[in-house]
Amino acid sequence: MIATIADWIGAGCLVAGALLALAAGIGVLRFPDALSRMHAATKPQVLGVLLLLLGIALRLRSPADLGMILLVAVFQLATAPVAAQMIGRAAYRSGRLDRSLLDADELAERGPGGGPAGPA
C-alpha cells in the first residue's frame, strides 16, 4: 500500500520535473536577452532535475541508489548557481545585455567591463 502510494507520488514528481525541464529549454530558446536566458537555464531546470531525482528515489528505494541520487542532487545545487554567475558576468563584460533592463548596476562603478577600476 505505501509502496504504491510512493510510486504514484514518484510518478507525479517525474512528470512535474520533466515539464519544468521542458519549460527551461523553451525559455532558453525563446527569451530575448542573456540574463533572461540565464534565469531560464538555471532556476526551473534545477527544480526540474531535483523533482526528477525525487521521483527516481521514491521508485528505487535502495540505499546505494539513494546515495548516488543524493550526490547528483548536491552536485546540481553546487554547480548551477556558479554557472549562472559566470554566464551573467561574461554577458556583462562582453556587453551582450541591455543595461536598461537592470534594476541596479553594482558593477558599473568598478570600471569598464565590470573589472577593477584601477589604482585609487
PDB file of N, CA and C in Angstrom:
ATOM      1  N   MET A   1       0.821  -1.202   0.000  1.00  0.00           N
ATOM      2  CA  MET A   1       0.000   0.000   0.000  1.00  0.00           C
ATOM      3  C   MET A   1       0.863   1.265   0.000  1.00  0.00           C
ATOM      4  N   ILE A   2       1.818   1.334   0.937  1.00  0.00           N
ATOM      5  CA  ILE A   2       2.681   2.516   0.996  1.00  0.00           C
ATOM      6  C   ILE A   2       3.600   2.568  -0.220  1.00  0.00           C
ATOM      7  N   ALA A   3       4.045   1.407  -0.686  1.00  0.00           N
ATOM      8  CA  ALA A   3       4.891   1.368  -1.882  1.00  0.00           C
ATOM      9  C   ALA A   3       4.121   1.879  -3.096  1.00  0.00           C
ATOM     10  N   THR A   4       2.859   1.551  -3.192  1.00  0.00           N
ATOM     11  CA  THR A   4       2.038   2.016  -4.312  1.00  0.00           C
ATOM     12  C   THR A   4       1.858   3.528  -4.256  1.00  0.00           C
ATOM     13  N   ILE A   5       1.618   4.045  -3.065  1.00  0.00           N
ATOM     14  CA  ILE A   5       1.473   5.493  -2.915  1.00  0.00           C
ATOM     15  C   ILE A   5       2.786   6.190  -3.264  1.00  0.00           C
ATOM     16  N   ALA A   6       3.906   5.636  -2.804  1.00  0.00           N
ATOM     17  CA  ALA A   6       5.212   6.217  -3.127  1.00  0.00           C
ATOM     18  C   ALA A   6       5.463   6.184  -4.635  1.00  0.00           C
ATOM     19  N   ASP A   7       5.040   5.116  -5.290  1.00  0.00           N
ATOM     20  CA  ASP A   7       5.199   5.034  -6.748  1.00  0.00           C
ATOM     21  C   ASP A   7       4.384   6.116  -7.458  1.00  0.00           C
ATOM     22  N   TRP A   8       3.164   6.351  -7.000  1.00  0.00           N
ATOM     23  CA  TRP A   8       2.329   7.378  -7.621  1.00  0.00           C
ATOM     24  C   TRP A   8       2.879   8.777  -7.367  1.00  0.00           C
ATOM     25  N   ILE A   9       3.353   9.024  -6.163  1.00  0.00           N
ATOM     26  CA  ILE A   9       3.965  10.322  -5.869  1.00  0.00           C
ATOM     27  C   ILE A   9       5.238  10.491  -6.699  1.00  0.00           C
ATOM     28  N   GLY A  10       6.019   9.420  -6.820  1.00  0.00           N
ATOM     29  CA  GLY A  10       7.218   9.449  -7.652  1.00  0.00           C
ATOM     30  C   GLY A  10       6.890   9.742  -9.109  1.00  0.00           C
ATOM     31  N   ALA A  11       5.808   9.136  -9.600  1.00  0.00           N
ATOM     32  CA  ALA A  11       5.399   9.396 -10.983  1.00  0.00           C
ATOM     33  C   ALA A  11       4.998  10.858 -11.163  1.00  0.00           C
ATOM     34  N   GLY A  12       4.306  11.414 -10.173  1.00  0.00           N
ATOM     35  CA  GLY A  12       3.942  12.830 -10.241  1.00  0.00           C
ATOM     36  C   GLY A  12       5.164  13.725 -10.239  1.00  0.00           C
ATOM     37  N   CYS A  13       6.149  13.383  -9.412  1.00  0.00           N
ATOM     38  CA  CYS A  13       7.398  14.160  -9.388  1.00  0.00           C
ATOM     39  C   CYS A  13       8.133  14.059 -10.717  1.00  0.00           C
ATOM     40  N   LEU A  14       8.132  12.883 -11.325  1.00  0.00           N
ATOM     41  CA  LEU A  14       8.794  12.717 -12.622  1.00  0.00           C
ATOM     42  C   LEU A  14       8.127  13.570 -13.698  1.00  0.00           C
ATOM     43  N   VAL A  15       6.801  13.576 -13.711  1.00  0.00           N
ATOM     44  CA  VAL A  15       6.088  14.379 -14.717  1.00  0.00           C
ATOM     45  C   VAL A  15       6.322  15.867 -14.473  1.00  0.00           C
ATOM     46  N   ALA A  16       6.218  16.300 -13.218  1.00  0.00           N
ATOM     47  CA  ALA A  16       6.434  17.718 -12.902  1.00  0.00           C
ATOM     48  C   ALA A  16       7.866  18.138 -13.228  1.00  0.00           C
ATOM     49  N   GLY A  17       8.838  17.295 -12.903  1.00  0.00           N
ATOM     50  CA  GLY A  17      10.229  17.610 -13.214  1.00  0.00           C
ATOM     51  C   GLY A  17      10.478  17.688 -14.703  1.00  0.00           C
ATOM     52  N   ALA A  18       9.881  16.779 -15.447  1.00  0.00           N
ATOM     53  CA  ALA A  18      10.047  16.802 -16.900  1.00  0.00           C
ATOM     54  C   ALA A  18       9.419  18.059 -17.504  1.00  0.00           C
ATOM     55  N   LEU A  19       8.264  18.462 -16.993  1.00  0.00           N
ATOM     56  CA  LEU A  19       7.620  19.675 -17.500  1.00  0.00           C
ATOM     57  C   LEU A  19       8.443  20.923 -17.173  1.00  0.00           C
ATOM     58  N   LEU A  20       9.026  20.976 -15.986  1.00  0.00           N
ATOM     59  CA  LEU A  20       9.879  22.118 -15.640  1.00  0.00           C
ATOM     60  C   LEU A  20      11.142  22.151 -16.500  1.00  0.00           C
ATOM     61  N   ALA A  21      11.733  20.997 -16.753  1.00  0.00           N
ATOM     62  CA  ALA A  21      12.912  20.952 -17.623  1.00  0.00           C
ATOM     63  C   ALA A  21      12.542  21.369 -19.046  1.00  0.00           C
ATOM     64  N   LEU A  22      11.366  20.969 -19.501  1.00  0.00           N
ATOM     65  CA  LEU A  22      10.893  21.388 -20.821  1.00  0.00           C
ATOM     66  C   LEU A  22      10.684  22.900 -20.860  1.00  0.00           C
ATOM     67  N   ALA A  23      10.083  23.452 -19.814  1.00  0.00           N
ATOM     68  CA  ALA A  23       9.873  24.902 -19.745  1.00  0.00           C
ATOM     69  C   ALA A  23      11.207  25.640 -19.748  1.00  0.00           C
ATOM     70  N   ALA A  24      12.210  25.091 -19.066  1.00  0.00           N
ATOM     71  CA  ALA A  24      13.535  25.713 -19.060  1.00  0.00           C
ATOM     72  C   ALA A  24      14.127  25.716 -20.465  1.00  0.00           C
ATOM     73  N   GLY A  25      14.014  24.610 -21.167  1.00  0.00           N
ATOM     74  CA  GLY A  25      14.536  24.545 -22.525  1.00  0.00           C
ATOM     75  C   GLY A  25      13.833  25.506 -23.473  1.00  0.00           C
ATOM     76  N   ILE A  26      12.524  25.608 -23.350  1.00  0.00           N
ATOM     77  CA  ILE A  26      11.772  26.549 -24.188  1.00  0.00           C
ATOM     78  C   ILE A  26      12.167  27.977 -23.841  1.00  0.00           C
ATOM     79  N   GLY A  27      12.356  28.254 -22.554  1.00  0.00           N
ATOM     80  CA  GLY A  27      12.756  29.596 -22.143  1.00  0.00           C
ATOM     81  C   GLY A  27      14.106  29.992 -22.698  1.00  0.00           C
ATOM     82  N   VAL A  28      15.046  29.054 -22.710  1.00  0.00           N
ATOM     83  CA  VAL A  28      16.371  29.356 -23.263  1.00  0.00           C
ATOM     84  C   VAL A  28      16.262  29.692 -24.748  1.00  0.00           C
ATOM     85  N   LEU A  29      15.379  29.023 -25.448  1.00  0.00           N
ATOM     86  CA  LEU A  29      15.223  29.294 -26.880  1.00  0.00           C
ATOM     87  C   LEU A  29      14.447  30.574 -27.163  1.00  0.00           C
ATOM     88  N   ARG A  30      13.484  30.903 -26.312  1.00  0.00           N
ATOM     89  CA  ARG A  30      12.571  31.997 -26.620  1.00  0.00           C
ATOM     90  C   ARG A  30      12.910  33.348 -25.994  1.00  0.00           C
ATOM     91  N   PHE A  31      13.603  33.366 -24.859  1.00  0.00           N
ATOM     92  CA  PHE A  31      13.857  34.641 -24.186  1.00  0.00           C
ATOM     93  C   PHE A  31      14.836  35.483 -25.002  1.00  0.00           C
ATOM     94  N   PRO A  32      14.670  36.812 -24.968  1.00  0.00           N
ATOM     95  CA  PRO A  32      15.432  37.668 -25.878  1.00  0.00           C
ATOM     96  C   PRO A  32      16.863  37.986 -25.461  1.00  0.00           C
ATOM     97  N   ASP A  33      17.152  38.066 -24.160  1.00  0.00           N
ATOM     98  CA  ASP A  33      18.478  38.531 -23.756  1.00  0.00           C
ATOM     99  C   ASP A  33      19.181  37.500 -22.880  1.00  0.00           C
ATOM    100  N   ALA A  34      20.466  37.748 -22.656  1.00  0.00           N
ATOM    101  CA  ALA A  34      21.300  36.777 -21.943  1.00  0.00           C
ATOM    102  C   ALA A  34      20.857  36.568 -20.501  1.00  0.00           C
ATOM    103  N   LEU A  35      20.447  37.639 -19.822  1.00  0.00           N
ATOM    104  CA  LEU A  35      20.059  37.487 -18.419  1.00  0.00           C
ATOM    105  C   LEU A  35      18.770  36.684 -18.270  1.00  0.00           C
ATOM    106  N   SER A  36      17.822  36.889 -19.146  1.00  0.00           N
ATOM    107  CA  SER A  36      16.586  36.095 -19.106  1.00  0.00           C
ATOM    108  C   SER A  36      16.873  34.630 -19.432  1.00  0.00           C
ATOM    109  N   ARG A  37      17.736  34.408 -20.398  1.00  0.00           N
ATOM    110  CA  ARG A  37      18.107  33.035 -20.739  1.00  0.00           C
ATOM    111  C   ARG A  37      18.851  32.358 -19.597  1.00  0.00           C
ATOM    112  N   MET A  38      19.701  33.129 -18.919  1.00  0.00           N
ATOM    113  CA  MET A  38      20.425  32.583 -17.770  1.00  0.00           C
ATOM    114  C   MET A  38      19.439  32.154 -16.689  1.00  0.00           C
ATOM    115  N   HIS A  39      18.432  32.965 -16.453  1.00  0.00           N
ATOM    116  CA  HIS A  39      17.426  32.621 -15.457  1.00  0.00           C
ATOM    117  C   HIS A  39      16.683  31.346 -15.863  1.00  0.00           C
ATOM    118  N   ALA A  40      16.303  31.271 -17.129  1.00  0.00           N
ATOM    119  CA  ALA A  40      15.576  30.091 -17.596  1.00  0.00           C
ATOM    120  C   ALA A  40      16.440  28.838 -17.558  1.00  0.00           C
ATOM    121  N   ALA A  41      17.732  29.001 -17.759  1.00  0.00           N
ATOM    122  CA  ALA A  41      18.612  27.844 -17.786  1.00  0.00           C
ATOM    123  C   ALA A  41      18.931  27.313 -16.394  1.00  0.00           C
ATOM    124  N   THR A  42      18.745  28.124 -15.361  1.00  0.00           N
ATOM    125  CA  THR A  42      19.150  27.674 -14.035  1.00  0.00           C
ATOM    126  C   THR A  42      17.987  27.418 -13.102  1.00  0.00           C
ATOM    127  N   LYS A  43      17.063  28.331 -12.956  1.00  0.00           N
ATOM    128  CA  LYS A  43      16.030  28.204 -11.925  1.00  0.00           C
ATOM    129  C   LYS A  43      15.093  27.019 -12.168  1.00  0.00           C
ATOM    130  N   PRO A  44      14.310  27.000 -13.250  1.00  0.00           N
ATOM    131  CA  PRO A  44      13.381  25.871 -13.404  1.00  0.00           C
ATOM    132  C   PRO A  44      14.097  24.564 -13.730  1.00  0.00           C
ATOM    133  N   GLN A  45      15.267  24.650 -14.329  1.00  0.00           N
ATOM    134  CA  GLN A  45      15.992  23.439 -14.675  1.00  0.00           C
ATOM    135  C   GLN A  45      16.462  22.717 -13.416  1.00  0.00           C
ATOM    136  N   VAL A  46      16.962  23.461 -12.438  1.00  0.00           N
ATOM    137  CA  VAL A  46      17.433  22.845 -11.198  1.00  0.00           C
ATOM    138  C   VAL A  46      16.265  22.218 -10.449  1.00  0.00           C
ATOM    139  N   LEU A  47      15.159  22.946 -10.338  1.00  0.00           N
ATOM    140  CA  LEU A  47      13.992  22.383  -9.660  1.00  0.00           C
ATOM    141  C   LEU A  47      13.470  21.163 -10.418  1.00  0.00           C
ATOM    142  N   GLY A  48      13.497  21.215 -11.740  1.00  0.00           N
ATOM    143  CA  GLY A  48      13.064  20.064 -12.534  1.00  0.00           C
ATOM    144  C   GLY A  48      13.933  18.847 -12.301  1.00  0.00           C
ATOM    145  N   VAL A  49      15.245  19.042 -12.264  1.00  0.00           N
ATOM    146  CA  VAL A  49      16.155  17.924 -12.016  1.00  0.00           C
ATOM    147  C   VAL A  49      15.946  17.362 -10.608  1.00  0.00           C
ATOM    148  N   LEU A  50      15.765  18.250  -9.635  1.00  0.00           N
ATOM    149  CA  LEU A  50      15.535  17.772  -8.267  1.00  0.00           C
ATOM    150  C   LEU A  50      14.229  16.999  -8.155  1.00  0.00           C
ATOM    151  N   LEU A  51      13.193  17.440  -8.854  1.00  0.00           N
ATOM    152  CA  LEU A  51      11.940  16.683  -8.850  1.00  0.00           C
ATOM    153  C   LEU A  51      12.108  15.333  -9.546  1.00  0.00           C
ATOM    154  N   LEU A  52      12.857  15.312 -10.626  1.00  0.00           N
ATOM    155  CA  LEU A  52      13.136  14.031 -11.291  1.00  0.00           C
ATOM    156  C   LEU A  52      13.894  13.086 -10.362  1.00  0.00           C
ATOM    157  N   LEU A  53      14.881  13.622  -9.661  1.00  0.00           N
ATOM    158  CA  LEU A  53      15.650  12.788  -8.736  1.00  0.00           C
ATOM    159  C   LEU A  53      14.780  12.289  -7.582  1.00  0.00           C
ATOM    160  N   LEU A  54      13.887  13.147  -7.092  1.00  0.00           N
ATOM    161  CA  LEU A  54      12.971  12.719  -6.031  1.00  0.00           C
ATOM    162  C   LEU A  54      12.052  11.611  -6.526  1.00  0.00           C
ATOM    163  N   GLY A  55      11.551  11.754  -7.737  1.00  0.00           N
ATOM    164  CA  GLY A  55      10.708  10.703  -8.313  1.00  0.00           C
ATOM    165  C   GLY A  55      11.453   9.393  -8.482  1.00  0.00           C
ATOM    166  N   ILE A  56      12.698   9.462  -8.921  1.00  0.00           N
ATOM    167  CA  ILE A  56      13.509   8.250  -9.063  1.00  0.00           C
ATOM    168  C   ILE A  56      13.785   7.639  -7.695  1.00  0.00           C
ATOM    169  N   ALA A  57      14.084   8.490  -6.706  1.00  0.00           N
ATOM    170  CA  ALA A  57      14.366   7.987  -5.352  1.00  0.00           C
ATOM    171  C   ALA A  57      13.148   7.300  -4.755  1.00  0.00           C
ATOM    172  N   LEU A  58      11.978   7.863  -4.993  1.00  0.00           N
ATOM    173  CA  LEU A  58      10.759   7.236  -4.475  1.00  0.00           C
ATOM    174  C   LEU A  58      10.477   5.901  -5.157  1.00  0.00           C
ATOM    175  N   ARG A  59      10.948   5.743  -6.350  1.00  0.00           N
ATOM    176  CA  ARG A  59      10.717   4.492  -7.083  1.00  0.00           C
ATOM    177  C   ARG A  59      11.764   3.429  -6.749  1.00  0.00           C
ATOM    178  N   LEU A  60      13.029   3.802  -6.641  1.00  0.00           N
ATOM    179  CA  LEU A  60      14.097   2.814  -6.470  1.00  0.00           C
ATOM    180  C   LEU A  60      14.246   2.346  -5.024  1.00  0.00           C
ATOM    181  N   ARG A  61      14.382   3.256  -4.093  1.00  0.00           N
ATOM    182  CA  ARG A  61      14.395   2.990  -2.647  1.00  0.00           C
ATOM    183  C   ARG A  61      15.556   2.161  -2.114  1.00  0.00           C
ATOM    184  N   SER A  62      16.572   1.853  -2.873  1.00  0.00           N
ATOM    185  CA  SER A  62      17.695   1.094  -2.324  1.00  0.00           C
ATOM    186  C   SER A  62      18.756   2.079  -1.814  1.00  0.00           C
ATOM    187  N   PRO A  63      19.468   1.727  -0.749  1.00  0.00           N
ATOM    188  CA  PRO A  63      20.448   2.662  -0.180  1.00  0.00           C
ATOM    189  C   PRO A  63      21.541   3.089  -1.166  1.00  0.00           C
ATOM    190  N   ALA A  64      22.018   2.185  -1.976  1.00  0.00           N
ATOM    191  CA  ALA A  64      23.063   2.540  -2.949  1.00  0.00           C
ATOM    192  C   ALA A  64      22.532   3.554  -3.969  1.00  0.00           C
ATOM    193  N   ASP A  65      21.323   3.311  -4.444  1.00  0.00           N
ATOM    194  CA  ASP A  65      20.727   4.238  -5.410  1.00  0.00           C
ATOM    195  C   ASP A  65      20.443   5.591  -4.771  1.00  0.00           C
ATOM    196  N   LEU A  66      19.967   5.592  -3.542  1.00  0.00           N
ATOM    197  CA  LEU A  66      19.672   6.847  -2.859  1.00  0.00           C
ATOM    198  C   LEU A  66      20.942   7.659  -2.616  1.00  0.00           C
ATOM    199  N   GLY A  67      22.044   6.989  -2.319  1.00  0.00           N
ATOM    200  CA  GLY A  67      23.312   7.688  -2.156  1.00  0.00           C
ATOM    201  C   GLY A  67      23.766   8.349  -3.445  1.00  0.00           C
ATOM    202  N   MET A  68      23.635   7.645  -4.547  1.00  0.00           N
ATOM    203  CA  MET A  68      24.022   8.209  -5.838  1.00  0.00           C
ATOM    204  C   MET A  68      23.106   9.372  -6.216  1.00  0.00           C
ATOM    205  N   ILE A  69      21.820   9.235  -5.970  1.00  0.00           N
ATOM    206  CA  ILE A  69      20.870  10.310  -6.266  1.00  0.00           C
ATOM    207  C   ILE A  69      21.188  11.545  -5.424  1.00  0.00           C
ATOM    208  N   LEU A  70      21.544  11.337  -4.168  1.00  0.00           N
ATOM    209  CA  LEU A  70      21.905  12.448  -3.297  1.00  0.00           C
ATOM    210  C   LEU A  70      23.156  13.163  -3.815  1.00  0.00           C
ATOM    211  N   LEU A  71      24.138  12.402  -4.271  1.00  0.00           N
ATOM    212  CA  LEU A  71      25.340  13.022  -4.835  1.00  0.00           C
ATOM    213  C   LEU A  71      25.022  13.855  -6.077  1.00  0.00           C
ATOM    214  N   VAL A  72      24.173  13.346  -6.935  1.00  0.00           N
ATOM    215  CA  VAL A  72      23.785  14.089  -8.133  1.00  0.00           C
ATOM    216  C   VAL A  72      23.062  15.374  -7.745  1.00  0.00           C
ATOM    217  N   ALA A  73      22.169  15.306  -6.760  1.00  0.00           N
ATOM    218  CA  ALA A  73      21.420  16.484  -6.320  1.00  0.00           C
ATOM    219  C   ALA A  73      22.360  17.537  -5.729  1.00  0.00           C
ATOM    220  N   VAL A  74      23.300  17.111  -4.897  1.00  0.00           N
ATOM    221  CA  VAL A  74      24.244  18.058  -4.300  1.00  0.00           C
ATOM    222  C   VAL A  74      25.114  18.700  -5.381  1.00  0.00           C
ATOM    223  N   PHE A  75      25.582  17.911  -6.331  1.00  0.00           N
ATOM    224  CA  PHE A  75      26.395  18.451  -7.416  1.00  0.00           C
ATOM    225  C   PHE A  75      25.594  19.453  -8.244  1.00  0.00           C
ATOM    226  N   GLN A  76      24.345  19.146  -8.513  1.00  0.00           N
ATOM    227  CA  GLN A  76      23.490  20.060  -9.279  1.00  0.00           C
ATOM    228  C   GLN A  76      23.294  21.375  -8.528  1.00  0.00           C
ATOM    229  N   LEU A  77      23.029  21.295  -7.238  1.00  0.00           N
ATOM    230  CA  LEU A  77      22.822  22.503  -6.442  1.00  0.00           C
ATOM    231  C   LEU A  77      24.108  23.311  -6.280  1.00  0.00           C
ATOM    232  N   ALA A  78      25.252  22.654  -6.339  1.00  0.00           N
ATOM    233  CA  ALA A  78      26.524  23.357  -6.180  1.00  0.00           C
ATOM    234  C   ALA A  78      26.991  24.014  -7.475  1.00  0.00           C
ATOM    235  N   THR A  79      26.674  23.438  -8.616  1.00  0.00           N
ATOM    236  CA  THR A  79      27.221  23.958  -9.869  1.00  0.00           C
ATOM    237  C   THR A  79      26.304  24.928 -10.597  1.00  0.00           C
ATOM    238  N   ALA A  80      25.009  24.804 -10.479  1.00  0.00           N
ATOM    239  CA  ALA A  80      24.092  25.674 -11.226  1.00  0.00           C
ATOM    240  C   ALA A  80      24.227  27.147 -10.834  1.00  0.00           C
ATOM    241  N   PRO A  81      24.290  27.508  -9.550  1.00  0.00           N
ATOM    242  CA  PRO A  81      24.463  28.934  -9.231  1.00  0.00           C
ATOM    243  C   PRO A  81      25.803  29.495  -9.706  1.00  0.00           C
ATOM    244  N   VAL A  82      26.844  28.694  -9.643  1.00  0.00           N
ATOM    245  CA  VAL A  82      28.157  29.152 -10.108  1.00  0.00           C
ATOM    246  C   VAL A  82      28.124  29.368 -11.618  1.00  0.00           C
ATOM    247  N   ALA A  83      27.508  28.457 -12.337  1.00  0.00           N
ATOM    248  CA  ALA A  83      27.397  28.613 -13.788  1.00  0.00           C
ATOM    249  C   ALA A  83      26.581  29.848 -14.143  1.00  0.00           C
ATOM    250  N   ALA A  84      25.498  30.099 -13.421  1.00  0.00           N
ATOM    251  CA  ALA A  84      24.681  31.286 -13.691  1.00  0.00           C
ATOM    252  C   ALA A  84      25.475  32.560 -13.426  1.00  0.00           C
ATOM    253  N   GLN A  85      26.242  32.578 -12.357  1.00  0.00           N
ATOM    254  CA  GLN A  85      27.074  33.745 -12.048  1.00  0.00           C
ATOM    255  C   GLN A  85      28.096  33.991 -13.151  1.00  0.00           C
ATOM    256  N   MET A  86      28.727  32.943 -13.631  1.00  0.00           N
ATOM    257  CA  MET A  86      29.748  33.095 -14.672  1.00  0.00           C
ATOM    258  C   MET A  86      29.126  33.533 -15.996  1.00  0.00           C
ATOM    259  N   ILE A  87      27.958  33.008 -16.323  1.00  0.00           N
ATOM    260  CA  ILE A  87      27.280  33.411 -17.557  1.00  0.00           C
ATOM    261  C   ILE A  87      26.875  34.876 -17.476  1.00  0.00           C
ATOM    262  N   GLY A  88      26.326  35.279 -16.335  1.00  0.00           N
ATOM    263  CA  GLY A  88      25.922  36.672 -16.165  1.00  0.00           C
ATOM    264  C   GLY A  88      27.107  37.615 -16.239  1.00  0.00           C
ATOM    265  N   ARG A  89      28.207  37.261 -15.605  1.00  0.00           N
ATOM    266  CA  ARG A  89      29.400  38.108 -15.626  1.00  0.00           C
ATOM    267  C   ARG A  89      29.977  38.192 -17.042  1.00  0.00           C
ATOM    268  N   ALA A  90      30.000  37.067 -17.755  1.00  0.00           N
ATOM    269  CA  ALA A  90      30.517  37.089 -19.131  1.00  0.00           C
ATOM    270  C   ALA A  90      29.626  37.938 -20.035  1.00  0.00           C
ATOM    271  N   ALA A  91      28.317  37.845 -19.863  1.00  0.00           N
ATOM    272  CA  ALA A  91      27.410  38.663 -20.671  1.00  0.00           C
ATOM    273  C   ALA A  91      27.597  40.137 -20.356  1.00  0.00           C
ATOM    274  N   TYR A  92      27.799  40.464 -19.089  1.00  0.00           N
ATOM    275  CA  TYR A  92      28.010  41.861 -18.697  1.00  0.00           C
ATOM    276  C   TYR A  92      29.315  42.393 -19.271  1.00  0.00           C
ATOM    277  N   ARG A  93      30.378  41.636 -19.136  1.00  0.00           N
ATOM    278  CA  ARG A  93      31.684  42.100 -19.612  1.00  0.00           C
ATOM    279  C   ARG A  93      31.756  42.227 -21.123  1.00  0.00           C
ATOM    280  N   SER A  94      31.055  41.355 -21.822  1.00  0.00           N
ATOM    281  CA  SER A  94      31.102  41.413 -23.283  1.00  0.00           C
ATOM    282  C   SER A  94      30.088  42.396 -23.862  1.00  0.00           C
ATOM    283  N   GLY A  95      29.245  42.977 -22.998  1.00  0.00           N
ATOM    284  CA  GLY A  95      28.267  43.950 -23.466  1.00  0.00           C
ATOM    285  C   GLY A  95      27.086  43.335 -24.180  1.00  0.00           C
ATOM    286  N   ARG A  96      26.807  42.084 -23.946  1.00  0.00           N
ATOM    287  CA  ARG A  96      25.712  41.400 -24.635  1.00  0.00           C
ATOM    288  C   ARG A  96      24.402  41.440 -23.847  1.00  0.00           C
ATOM    289  N   LEU A  97      24.192  42.501 -23.100  1.00  0.00           N
ATOM    290  CA  LEU A  97      22.928  42.646 -22.393  1.00  0.00           C
ATOM    291  C   LEU A  97      22.491  44.094 -22.447  1.00  0.00           C
ATOM    292  N   ASP A  98      21.204  44.291 -22.313  1.00  0.00           N
ATOM    293  CA  ASP A  98      20.623  45.625 -22.329  1.00  0.00           C
ATOM    294  C   ASP A  98      20.656  46.173 -20.907  1.00  0.00           C
ATOM    295  N   ARG A  99      21.532  47.128 -20.656  1.00  0.00           N
ATOM    296  CA  ARG A  99      21.713  47.648 -19.291  1.00  0.00           C
ATOM    297  C   ARG A  99      20.485  48.393 -18.789  1.00  0.00           C
ATOM    298  N   SER A 100      19.587  48.780 -19.687  1.00  0.00           N
ATOM    299  CA  SER A 100      18.361  49.448 -19.228  1.00  0.00           C
ATOM    300  C   SER A 100      17.431  48.460 -18.519  1.00  0.00           C
ATOM    301  N   LEU A 101      17.645  47.167 -18.711  1.00  0.00           N
ATOM    302  CA  LEU A 101      16.825  46.159 -18.036  1.00  0.00           C
ATOM    303  C   LEU A 101      17.279  45.906 -16.600  1.00  0.00           C
ATOM    304  N   LEU A 102      18.454  46.400 -16.235  1.00  0.00           N
ATOM    305  CA  LEU A 102      18.975  46.170 -14.895  1.00  0.00           C
ATOM    306  C   LEU A 102      18.321  47.114 -13.894  1.00  0.00           C
ATOM    307  N   ASP A 103      17.866  46.581 -12.765  1.00  0.00           N
ATOM    308  CA  ASP A 103      17.335  47.422 -11.693  1.00  0.00           C
ATOM    309  C   ASP A 103      18.472  48.141 -10.976  1.00  0.00           C
ATOM    310  N   ALA A 104      19.554  47.444 -10.751  1.00  0.00           N
ATOM    311  CA  ALA A 104      20.738  48.012 -10.108  1.00  0.00           C
ATOM    312  C   ALA A 104      21.961  47.506 -10.852  1.00  0.00           C
ATOM    313  N   ASP A 105      22.948  48.372 -10.984  1.00  0.00           N
ATOM    314  CA  ASP A 105      24.164  48.011 -11.703  1.00  0.00           C
ATOM    315  C   ASP A 105      25.360  48.211 -10.775  1.00  0.00           C
ATOM    316  N   GLU A 106      25.613  47.234  -9.929  1.00  0.00           N
ATOM    317  CA  GLU A 106      26.705  47.337  -8.968  1.00  0.00           C
ATOM    318  C   GLU A 106      28.073  47.297  -9.630  1.00  0.00           C
ATOM    319  N   LEU A 107      28.158  46.737 -10.812  1.00  0.00           N
ATOM    320  CA  LEU A 107      29.452  46.608 -11.481  1.00  0.00           C
ATOM    321  C   LEU A 107      29.844  47.859 -12.258  1.00  0.00           C
ATOM    322  N   ALA A 108      28.935  48.799 -12.444  1.00  0.00           N
ATOM    323  CA  ALA A 108      29.240  49.994 -13.228  1.00  0.00           C
ATOM    324  C   ALA A 108      30.328  50.824 -12.578  1.00  0.00           C
ATOM    325  N   GLU A 109      30.358  50.872 -11.253  1.00  0.00           N
ATOM    326  CA  GLU A 109      31.358  51.675 -10.561  1.00  0.00           C
ATOM    327  C   GLU A 109      32.726  51.015 -10.540  1.00  0.00           C
ATOM    328  N   ARG A 110      32.813  49.773 -10.986  1.00  0.00           N
ATOM    329  CA  ARG A 110      34.088  49.049 -10.955  1.00  0.00           C
ATOM    330  C   ARG A 110      34.920  49.296 -12.197  1.00  0.00           C
ATOM    331  N   GLY A 111      34.408  49.991 -13.164  1.00  0.00           N
ATOM    332  CA  GLY A 111      35.179  50.267 -14.372  1.00  0.00           C
ATOM    333  C   GLY A 111      34.600  49.545 -15.570  1.00  0.00           C
ATOM    334  N   PRO A 112      35.210  49.698 -16.731  1.00  0.00           N
ATOM    335  CA  PRO A 112      34.694  49.081 -17.950  1.00  0.00           C
ATOM    336  C   PRO A 112      34.717  47.562 -17.853  1.00  0.00           C
ATOM    337  N   GLY A 113      33.632  46.956 -18.245  1.00  0.00           N
ATOM    338  CA  GLY A 113      33.542  45.501 -18.262  1.00  0.00           C
ATOM    339  C   GLY A 113      33.343  44.894 -16.893  1.00  0.00           C
ATOM    340  N   GLY A 114      33.132  45.690 -15.862  1.00  0.00           N
ATOM    341  CA  GLY A 114      32.895  45.147 -14.534  1.00  0.00           C
ATOM    342  C   GLY A 114      34.146  44.713 -13.793  1.00  0.00           C
ATOM    343  N   GLY A 115      35.310  45.005 -14.362  1.00  0.00           N
ATOM    344  CA  GLY A 115      36.549  44.630 -13.703  1.00  0.00           C
ATOM    345  C   GLY A 115      36.978  45.691 -12.705  1.00  0.00           C
ATOM    346  N   PRO A 116      38.169  45.561 -12.170  1.00  0.00           N
ATOM    347  CA  PRO A 116      38.671  46.544 -11.220  1.00  0.00           C
ATOM    348  C   PRO A 116      38.797  47.919 -11.867  1.00  0.00           C
ATOM    349  N   ALA A 117      38.529  48.969 -11.095  1.00  0.00           N
ATOM    350  CA  ALA A 117      38.556  50.332 -11.611  1.00  0.00           C
ATOM    351  C   ALA A 117      39.977  50.856 -11.762  1.00  0.00           C
ATOM    352  N   GLY A 118      40.949  50.153 -11.250  1.00  0.00           N
ATOM    353  CA  GLY A 118      42.323  50.603 -11.359  1.00  0.00           C
ATOM    354  C   GLY A 118      42.810  51.144 -10.027  1.00  0.00           C
ATOM    355  N   PRO A 119      44.071  51.646 -10.004  1.00  0.00           N
ATOM    356  CA  PRO A 119      44.600  52.159  -8.746  1.00  0.00           C
ATOM    357  C   PRO A 119      43.852  53.396  -8.289  1.00  0.00           C
ATOM    358  N   ALA A 120      43.613  53.462  -6.984  1.00  0.00           N
ATOM    359  CA  ALA A 120      42.861  54.596  -6.431  1.00  0.00           C
ATOM    360  C   ALA A 120      43.775  55.725  -6.038  1.00  0.00           C
TER     361      ALA A 120
END
